[in-house]
Protein backbone atom coordinates (compact mmCIF):
# COMPACT_ATOMS: atom_id res chain seq x y z
CA MET A 1 64.34 264.87 118.64
CA THR A 2 61.70 266.36 121.15
CA ALA A 3 64.05 266.99 123.97
CA PRO A 4 62.14 265.43 127.24
CA SER A 5 62.14 268.47 129.95
CA SER A 6 61.30 268.28 133.29
CA LEU A 7 60.40 271.89 133.04
CA LEU A 8 57.44 271.37 130.53
CA ASP A 9 53.88 271.88 132.64
CA LEU A 10 51.18 269.91 131.97
CA ASP A 11 48.41 272.80 130.87
CA ASP A 12 50.64 274.89 129.06
CA ALA A 13 49.04 274.59 125.93
CA ASP A 14 51.21 276.56 124.67
CA ALA A 15 54.86 275.32 126.11
CA LEU A 16 54.15 271.67 124.82
CA LEU A 17 53.11 272.27 121.47
CA ALA A 18 56.18 274.05 119.99
CA ALA A 19 58.65 271.25 122.55
CA ASP A 20 56.40 269.01 120.40
CA VAL A 21 58.67 269.00 117.08
CA ASP A 22 58.45 265.50 116.54
CA GLY A 23 54.90 266.04 116.76
CA VAL A 24 54.27 263.11 118.59
CA LEU A 25 50.83 264.87 120.16
CA ARG A 26 49.74 264.79 115.92
CA PHE A 27 50.40 260.94 115.46
CA ALA A 28 48.27 259.52 118.74
CA ALA A 29 44.92 262.06 117.91
CA LEU A 30 45.65 259.58 114.53
CA GLY A 31 43.69 257.18 115.23
CA GLY A 32 39.57 258.07 114.72
CA ALA A 33 41.64 258.34 110.99
CA GLN A 34 43.40 255.72 110.53
CA ILE A 35 39.67 253.88 111.02
CA ARG A 36 37.65 256.05 109.21
CA ALA A 37 40.32 255.87 106.19
CA THR A 38 39.69 251.86 106.56
CA GLN A 39 36.24 252.61 106.19
CA ALA A 40 36.68 254.25 103.15
CA ALA A 41 38.88 251.13 101.59
CA VAL A 42 36.03 249.13 102.32
CA GLU A 43 33.28 251.54 101.03
CA GLU A 44 35.36 250.93 98.12
CA ASP A 45 34.45 247.38 97.80
CA GLY A 46 37.46 246.69 98.86
CA LEU A 47 36.23 243.04 101.00
CA VAL A 48 33.33 242.06 98.11
CA ARG A 49 34.53 239.31 97.86
CA LEU A 50 34.00 238.38 101.55
CA ARG A 51 30.72 239.24 101.34
CA GLY A 52 28.81 236.09 102.17
CA LEU A 53 31.22 234.07 102.17
CA GLN A 54 30.84 231.46 104.76
CA PRO A 55 34.53 229.78 105.44
CA ARG A 56 34.94 227.46 108.00
CA SER A 57 38.02 229.66 110.47
CA ILE A 58 38.92 233.35 110.06
CA VAL A 59 43.33 233.33 110.45
CA PHE A 60 45.71 236.75 111.83
CA VAL A 61 48.92 236.08 110.60
CA THR A 62 50.70 239.13 112.08
CA GLY A 63 54.04 240.95 112.26
CA ASP A 64 55.58 241.93 115.34
CA GLY A 65 54.57 245.18 117.42
CA SER A 66 50.97 246.87 116.68
CA ALA A 67 49.79 244.32 114.50
CA SER A 68 49.88 241.24 116.32
CA ARG A 69 48.69 243.45 119.90
CA ALA A 70 45.53 244.12 117.57
CA ALA A 71 44.76 240.36 116.75
CA GLU A 72 45.06 239.03 120.03
CA ILE A 73 42.69 241.80 120.75
CA VAL A 74 39.94 241.78 118.40
CA VAL A 75 40.43 237.37 119.69
CA ALA A 76 40.59 237.80 122.76
CA ALA A 77 36.87 240.17 122.28
CA LEU A 78 34.94 238.87 119.71
CA GLY A 79 36.67 234.92 119.56
CA GLY A 80 34.03 233.40 121.80
CA ARG A 81 30.77 235.67 120.04
CA THR A 82 31.53 234.71 116.84
CA GLY A 83 30.07 232.04 113.70
CA MET A 84 33.07 230.43 113.46
CA PRO A 85 36.79 230.25 114.96
CA LEU A 86 39.31 233.36 115.33
CA VAL A 87 43.01 232.05 115.63
CA VAL A 88 46.09 233.70 115.84
CA SER A 89 49.38 232.36 113.86
CA VAL A 90 52.71 232.14 113.05
CA GLY A 91 51.96 231.49 109.55
CA ALA A 92 49.55 230.54 107.48
CA PRO A 93 48.57 227.01 108.92
CA PRO A 94 49.17 223.73 107.16
CA TRP A 95 45.32 222.86 107.08
CA VAL A 96 44.36 226.10 105.78
CA GLY A 97 42.23 225.60 101.89
CA PRO A 98 39.46 227.21 100.22
CA LEU A 99 37.19 226.94 102.76
CA ASP A 100 39.21 229.57 105.06
CA VAL A 101 39.59 233.53 105.07
CA LEU A 102 43.74 234.61 105.64
CA VAL A 103 43.66 237.97 106.95
CA VAL A 104 47.43 239.09 106.94
CA ALA A 105 48.85 242.22 108.46
CA GLY A 106 52.63 244.30 109.39
CA ASP A 107 54.10 246.98 108.34
CA ASP A 108 57.12 245.65 106.54
CA ALA A 109 55.73 244.83 102.71
CA GLY A 110 59.52 242.44 102.69
CA ASP A 111 59.02 240.35 105.93
CA PRO A 112 59.78 237.09 104.82
CA ARG A 113 56.82 235.10 106.83
CA LEU A 114 54.22 237.46 105.71
CA VAL A 115 55.52 236.72 102.22
CA GLU A 116 55.30 232.99 102.10
CA SER A 117 51.79 233.14 103.94
CA VAL A 118 49.75 235.18 101.26
CA ASP A 119 51.64 233.50 98.60
CA SER A 120 50.98 229.65 99.72
CA ALA A 121 47.59 230.56 101.46
CA LEU A 122 46.89 231.78 97.48
CA ARG A 123 47.83 228.11 96.35
CA ARG A 124 46.08 226.57 98.44
CA GLY A 125 42.56 228.86 97.38
CA ALA A 126 41.86 230.17 101.04
CA GLU A 127 40.57 234.01 100.96
CA VAL A 128 43.43 236.72 101.91
CA VAL A 129 43.15 239.56 102.82
CA VAL A 130 46.55 241.51 103.12
CA ALA A 131 46.62 244.78 106.21
CA ALA A 132 50.00 245.82 104.85
CA PRO A 133 51.42 248.22 102.38
CA ASP A 134 51.00 247.74 99.38
CA GLU A 135 54.92 247.10 97.69
CA GLY A 136 57.48 245.05 97.26
CA PRO A 137 57.53 241.33 97.86
CA LEU A 138 54.40 241.14 99.70
CA ARG A 139 52.86 242.70 96.60
CA ALA A 140 54.02 240.71 94.16
CA ALA A 141 52.68 237.50 96.04
CA GLY A 142 49.12 239.16 96.19
CA ALA A 143 49.94 239.47 92.76
CA GLY A 144 46.15 240.90 91.75
CA ARG A 145 44.95 238.12 93.74
CA ALA A 146 44.55 239.34 97.34
CA THR A 147 42.81 241.98 98.64
CA VAL A 148 44.34 244.61 99.81
CA LEU A 149 44.27 246.92 102.36
CA PRO A 150 46.79 249.58 103.20
CA PRO A 151 47.90 252.22 105.23
CA ARG A 152 46.43 255.05 103.62
CA ILE A 153 47.91 257.52 107.01
CA ALA A 154 51.12 257.91 107.42
CA VAL A 155 52.34 256.79 111.21
CA PRO A 156 54.80 255.34 113.32
CA ASP A 157 54.51 251.72 114.22
CA HIS A 158 53.65 252.10 116.95
CA HIS A 159 50.63 254.13 116.73
CA GLY A 160 49.35 251.67 113.77
CA LEU A 161 46.85 249.40 116.69
CA LEU A 162 43.99 251.18 115.40
CA ARG A 163 44.22 250.64 111.42
CA TYR A 164 45.11 247.06 112.36
CA LEU A 165 41.77 246.79 114.64
CA ALA A 166 39.98 248.58 112.11
CA ALA A 167 40.88 246.52 109.07
CA PHE A 168 40.26 243.23 111.45
CA LEU A 169 36.71 244.09 112.51
CA ALA A 170 35.85 245.02 108.69
CA VAL A 171 36.46 242.04 107.76
CA LEU A 172 34.39 240.23 110.33
CA ILE A 173 31.48 242.47 109.39
CA ALA A 174 32.32 241.67 106.29
CA VAL A 175 31.49 237.66 106.85
CA GLU A 176 29.33 237.92 109.40
CA GLY A 177 27.04 240.88 108.92
CA GLU A 178 24.05 241.39 111.40
CA ARG A 179 25.53 238.51 113.28
CA THR A 180 28.14 240.66 114.65
CA ALA A 181 25.97 243.87 114.93
CA LYS A 182 25.62 243.52 118.91
CA VAL A 183 29.86 243.38 119.96
CA CYS A 184 30.92 244.48 116.70
CA PRO A 185 30.58 247.89 115.77
CA ASP A 186 30.16 249.84 112.56
CA LEU A 187 33.53 251.91 111.54
CA GLY A 188 32.44 254.97 111.17
CA ARG A 189 31.05 254.65 115.51
CA LEU A 190 34.39 253.47 116.26
CA ALA A 191 36.12 256.59 114.79
CA ASP A 192 33.21 258.44 116.08
CA ALA A 193 34.41 257.42 119.53
CA VAL A 194 38.07 257.89 118.88
CA ASP A 195 37.49 261.22 117.73
CA GLU A 196 35.33 261.96 120.09
CA GLU A 197 38.77 261.32 123.06
CA ALA A 198 41.33 263.37 120.92
CA LEU A 199 39.09 266.08 121.45
CA ARG A 200 39.01 265.35 124.89
CA ASP A 201 42.83 264.78 125.16
CA HIS A 202 43.58 267.93 123.12
CA PRO A 203 46.59 270.38 124.44
CA ARG A 204 44.14 273.72 125.83
CA ASN A 205 42.30 271.30 128.23
CA GLU A 206 43.14 271.32 131.33
CA VAL A 207 44.59 268.03 133.43
CA PHE A 208 41.43 268.29 135.39
CA HIS A 209 39.51 267.53 132.08
CA ASN A 210 41.88 266.04 130.07
CA PRO A 211 41.99 262.32 130.31
CA ALA A 212 44.81 261.58 128.83
CA LYS A 213 46.42 264.72 130.99
CA SER A 214 45.55 263.19 134.23
CA LEU A 215 46.84 259.80 132.84
CA ALA A 216 50.54 261.23 132.82
CA ALA A 217 50.01 262.92 136.04
CA ARG A 218 49.44 259.76 137.40
CA MET A 219 52.06 257.56 135.93
CA GLN A 220 54.83 260.86 135.87
CA GLY A 221 57.62 260.00 138.66
CA ARG A 222 55.97 256.58 139.25
CA ARG A 223 57.00 253.41 138.93
CA VAL A 224 53.57 251.58 136.94
CA VAL A 225 52.81 249.18 136.18
CA PHE A 226 49.79 248.19 133.76
CA SER A 227 46.90 245.47 134.12
CA GLY A 228 44.01 244.33 132.81
CA ASP A 229 40.70 242.32 133.83
CA THR A 230 39.88 240.10 130.88
CA ARG A 231 42.34 239.17 128.06
CA ALA A 232 42.17 241.92 125.98
CA THR A 233 42.25 244.73 128.54
CA THR A 234 45.28 243.11 129.52
CA HIS A 235 46.98 242.88 126.12
CA LEU A 236 46.01 247.22 125.79
CA ALA A 237 48.15 247.05 128.52
CA ARG A 238 51.01 245.29 126.81
CA HIS A 239 50.83 247.87 124.11
CA GLY A 240 50.60 250.41 126.88
CA SER A 241 54.24 248.47 128.43
CA GLU A 242 55.29 249.37 124.49
CA THR A 243 54.20 251.87 123.71
CA LEU A 244 55.38 254.40 126.19
CA LEU A 245 58.99 252.23 126.03
CA ARG A 246 59.25 252.49 121.61
CA MET A 247 58.20 256.27 122.65
CA GLY A 248 61.06 257.08 124.83
CA ALA A 249 58.27 258.51 127.09
CA GLY A 250 58.44 255.79 130.46
CA VAL A 251 58.93 252.65 131.70
CA ALA A 252 56.66 250.22 132.87
CA ALA A 253 55.39 246.83 133.63
CA ALA A 254 52.73 244.89 132.08
CA ALA A 255 50.53 241.86 133.55
CA GLU A 256 47.37 239.49 134.03
CA LEU A 257 45.59 241.28 136.93
CA ALA A 258 46.20 237.80 139.06
CA ASP A 259 49.58 238.31 138.44
CA VAL A 260 49.60 242.17 139.90
CA VAL A 261 47.12 241.40 142.59
CA SER A 262 49.23 238.86 143.92
CA GLY A 263 52.66 240.34 143.48
CA VAL A 264 52.78 244.09 144.33
CA ARG A 265 52.91 244.03 147.85
CA LYS A 266 55.12 241.87 148.71
CA PHE A 267 56.55 244.63 146.26
CA SER A 268 55.90 247.51 147.45
CA ALA A 269 56.88 246.12 151.00
CA ALA A 270 60.66 244.57 149.51
CA ASN A 271 61.05 248.42 148.03
CA PRO A 272 59.72 250.85 150.32
CA ALA A 273 58.70 254.42 148.65
CA ALA A 274 60.88 257.54 150.08
CA PRO A 275 59.61 258.53 153.28
CA ALA A 276 58.35 261.69 154.47
CA GLY A 277 60.74 264.39 154.18
CA TYR A 278 63.42 262.37 152.14
CA ASP A 279 65.51 264.81 150.28
CA PRO A 280 68.03 263.25 147.72
CA PHE A 281 70.43 266.24 148.03
CA PHE A 282 71.13 264.97 151.30
CA HIS A 283 71.34 261.62 151.33
CA ASP A 284 74.28 259.18 151.18
CA ASP A 285 74.94 256.52 150.16
CA GLN A 286 76.97 255.66 152.96
CA LEU A 287 75.54 256.52 155.66
CA ASP A 288 71.48 256.60 154.92
CA GLY A 289 71.88 253.46 152.51
CA PRO A 290 70.54 252.83 148.72
CA PRO A 291 68.06 256.01 148.38
CA PRO A 292 64.82 254.86 147.98
CA GLY A 293 62.59 253.93 144.82
CA ALA A 294 60.23 255.66 143.39
CA PRO A 295 56.25 254.89 144.82
CA LEU A 296 54.87 252.32 142.80
CA ARG A 297 50.91 252.91 140.72
CA VAL A 298 48.68 250.09 139.69
CA LEU A 299 46.73 251.29 136.42
CA VAL A 300 44.25 248.18 135.94
CA PHE A 301 42.13 249.31 132.39
CA ALA A 302 38.81 247.69 132.14
CA ALA A 303 35.46 247.82 130.45
CA GLU A 304 32.35 249.71 132.98
CA ALA A 305 30.98 246.72 132.48
CA ASN A 306 33.32 244.74 135.18
CA ARG A 307 34.12 247.96 136.81
CA PRO A 308 32.37 246.54 140.41
CA LEU A 309 33.71 243.68 140.38
CA VAL A 310 37.56 244.68 139.21
CA GLU A 311 37.14 247.53 142.30
CA ARG A 312 36.50 244.70 144.59
CA ARG A 313 39.26 242.25 143.23
CA VAL A 314 42.29 245.66 143.89
CA ALA A 315 40.66 246.77 147.09
CA ALA A 316 44.09 245.17 149.34
CA LEU A 317 46.54 247.07 146.40
CA PRO A 318 48.01 250.27 148.02
CA ASP A 319 48.07 252.66 145.22
CA VAL A 320 45.59 251.48 142.25
CA ASP A 321 43.74 253.55 139.82
CA LEU A 322 41.13 251.69 137.87
CA VAL A 323 40.68 253.47 133.94
CA VAL A 324 37.32 252.85 132.45
CA ALA A 325 36.53 254.78 129.20
CA GLU A 326 33.63 255.71 130.18
CA SER A 327 33.29 257.45 133.06
CA GLU A 328 36.05 259.03 132.63
CA ALA A 329 35.06 260.38 129.69
CA ALA A 330 30.99 261.68 130.49
CA THR A 331 33.35 263.56 133.36
CA ALA A 332 35.57 265.42 130.93
CA GLY A 333 32.97 266.64 129.28
CA PRO A 334 34.22 268.33 125.59
CA ARG A 335 36.12 271.84 126.63
CA TYR A 336 37.42 272.24 122.80
CA ASP A 337 36.75 273.19 119.75
CA ALA A 338 33.83 270.69 119.66
CA PRO A 339 32.01 270.46 116.48
CA PRO A 340 28.40 271.11 116.69
CA GLY A 341 26.54 267.48 116.37
CA SER A 342 29.64 265.96 116.66
CA PRO A 343 29.54 263.05 118.96
CA ALA A 344 31.84 264.84 121.12
CA ASP A 345 29.53 267.69 121.41
CA SER A 346 26.89 265.43 122.57
CA PRO A 347 26.53 266.08 126.99
CA ALA A 348 27.09 262.73 127.68
CA VAL A 349 28.54 259.52 126.11
CA SER A 350 26.38 256.24 125.23
CA ALA A 351 26.38 253.82 127.85
CA THR A 352 26.51 251.08 125.14
CA ARG A 353 29.69 250.72 124.10
CA THR A 354 30.45 247.46 123.18
CA GLU A 355 34.08 246.47 124.66
CA ILE A 356 35.96 247.19 121.45
CA GLU A 357 35.04 250.33 121.28
CA GLN A 358 36.31 250.82 124.85
CA ILE A 359 39.47 249.52 124.61
CA ALA A 360 39.89 251.90 120.34
CA VAL A 361 38.92 254.90 123.24
CA LEU A 362 42.12 253.80 125.96
CA VAL A 363 44.16 252.81 123.05
CA GLY A 364 43.66 257.08 121.99
CA ARG A 365 44.24 257.71 125.70
CA LEU A 366 46.82 256.04 125.90
CA GLU A 367 49.42 256.98 123.37
CA MET A 368 48.35 260.64 123.98
CA SER A 369 48.56 260.20 127.51
CA ALA A 370 52.50 258.86 126.25
CA ALA A 371 53.17 262.03 124.06
CA TYR A 372 52.40 263.98 127.46
CA LEU A 373 54.10 262.15 129.35
CA ARG A 374 57.44 262.04 126.51
CA LEU A 375 57.67 265.59 126.13
CA ILE A 376 57.36 266.57 130.16
CA GLY A 377 59.66 264.10 130.49
CA GLY A 378 57.78 260.75 131.48
CA ASN A 379 59.77 259.10 134.90
């Protein structure tokens, strides 16, 4: 077990690496590798049966955790831009048939809900894609009739969101082709963006040049609320809250931006932070009353294009930070072992990233931040 210690400094790379006996930093940095593994499976004709297909709908049936969150992000970001409806369902709907594509994703090959969904959809003639371990009852249900995109890189469940995101995007690209080119990035390009973020977030990079360390420093010792400016970034915020909890890095709330704007000021007034000069060593509950809580900080995830609007919406909040992919990456600059000719070695980050690409970058940053918080003791 990695023992949290408040004595660790975010800029002490050797101490961080020595404390990371569970490899939490390495797991958090494998997002790009997971995307490339999915890309390799697709290039091996993994989705050849979907090419040229014109389905009535694409239905996502997911297990709990990262698969569910990835499906919600894809539907929120791309649902209004595809040529067919994208549906998230708890199981194979009774109307699914030969005109539909069912994508089943999860970490548990023995999940009865996923197994039943695969079996019933295949019996009705639907095209089925399984993004789950190719084993157990799920493998038996597919029995050579379903297209399988199994995980090729072992990571903890809470680091699997980018793999599911890649699998869902691969299905959309196979079905839609050129029609989604402007909103649905190529998997290689998506992996490049995530790997570039991982390079910037390397432990050898100082806080000032490291977006993940900077984000961890902003969360350390504070009560944190995550939010997003759109449905997609709100699901990203919820993923951040879940990741912090599952990694033992801290506890953070997640809510829609409208709820945050209306509630945070009331919360801050009812729960004042520690006054200047407060020392918990000399605090007496009977004489001084209840000890003050840690200060509250709001972190809002947004796409770069929405930044001016979001800044106006949160201007009245007492302590808020806007977290975007583009500007922080562009100003940080590669500092550690960026291979010549790689995207991280370029002088500036492209300003044309799609919303999905920006969300993928922020997923990598959030997971690295959670790893750093766990190592330094979190809240």
